[in-house]
Amino acid sequence: MPKMKTHRGAKARFKVTGSGKLMRRHQGKNHLLQKKSSGRKRRLANEAEVTGGDRDRALRLLGKR
């Protein structure tokens, strides 16, 4: 059976850290930024951890499981 190919969309959206956490970007930071406060935009700039069933699904798309 051939190897599984990495899902290219998932590869662009997720990053696996050295400790094995799966990180993602926050939504809402691409456009319509003028009405959002600077604190909100700063908070959205940080990465967040993917948890729960979403984590399992994303790892499968990345070929890590």
Protein backbone atom coordinates (compact mmCIF):
# COMPACT_ATOMS: atom_id res chain seq x y z
CA MET A 1 0.00 0.00 0.00
CA PRO A 2 1.44 3.43 -0.90
CA LYS A 3 2.30 6.06 1.66
CA MET A 4 -0.37 8.55 2.69
CA LYS A 5 0.11 12.00 1.19
CA THR A 6 0.08 15.01 3.50
CA HIS A 7 -3.02 17.18 3.14
CA ARG A 8 -1.51 20.37 1.73
CA GLY A 9 -4.21 22.63 3.18
CA ALA A 10 -3.60 21.21 6.65
CA LYS A 11 0.14 21.60 6.21
CA ALA A 12 -0.35 25.32 5.52
CA ARG A 13 -2.69 25.85 8.48
CA PHE A 14 -1.15 23.84 11.33
CA LYS A 15 2.27 23.60 12.95
CA VAL A 16 3.47 20.84 15.27
CA THR A 17 5.73 22.05 18.08
CA GLY A 18 8.70 20.17 19.46
CA SER A 19 6.66 18.94 22.41
CA GLY A 20 3.95 17.63 20.05
CA LYS A 21 1.34 20.38 20.46
CA LEU A 22 -0.63 21.35 17.37
CA MET A 23 -0.83 25.11 16.85
CA ARG A 24 -3.23 27.14 14.69
CA ARG A 25 -3.95 30.78 13.87
CA HIS A 26 -6.94 32.67 15.23
CA GLN A 27 -9.75 33.59 12.87
CA GLY A 28 -10.70 37.22 12.32
CA LYS A 29 -7.28 38.74 11.58
CA ASN A 30 -7.43 39.05 7.77
CA HIS A 31 -9.72 41.96 6.95
CA LEU A 32 -12.14 44.49 8.51
CA LEU A 33 -9.43 45.30 11.03
CA GLN A 34 -10.18 49.02 11.35
CA LYS A 35 -13.16 48.47 13.68
CA LYS A 36 -11.27 46.02 15.92
CA SER A 37 -9.35 47.34 18.90
CA SER A 38 -5.57 47.13 18.94
CA GLY A 39 -5.71 44.82 21.96
CA ARG A 40 -8.05 42.47 20.16
CA LYS A 41 -5.84 42.43 17.06
CA ARG A 42 -2.77 41.80 19.22
CA ARG A 43 -4.51 38.88 20.95
CA LEU A 44 -5.60 37.41 17.60
CA ALA A 45 -1.99 37.53 16.36
CA ASN A 46 -0.93 34.83 18.85
CA GLU A 47 -1.20 31.17 17.98
CA ALA A 48 -3.67 28.88 19.75
CA GLU A 49 -3.49 25.18 20.48
CA VAL A 50 -5.79 22.77 18.63
CA THR A 51 -7.57 20.50 21.14
CA GLY A 52 -10.07 17.65 21.25
CA GLY A 53 -11.34 15.82 18.22
CA ASP A 54 -10.14 18.58 15.92
CA ARG A 55 -6.57 17.78 16.99
CA ASP A 56 -6.97 14.10 16.08
CA ARG A 57 -8.45 14.97 12.69
CA ALA A 58 -5.73 17.49 11.87
CA LEU A 59 -2.95 15.12 12.90
CA ARG A 60 -4.41 12.45 10.62
CA LEU A 61 -4.41 14.93 7.71
CA LEU A 62 -0.78 15.76 8.45
CA GLY A 63 0.15 12.06 8.44
CA LYS A 64 1.28 12.13 12.07
CA ARG A 65 -1.11 9.34 13.15
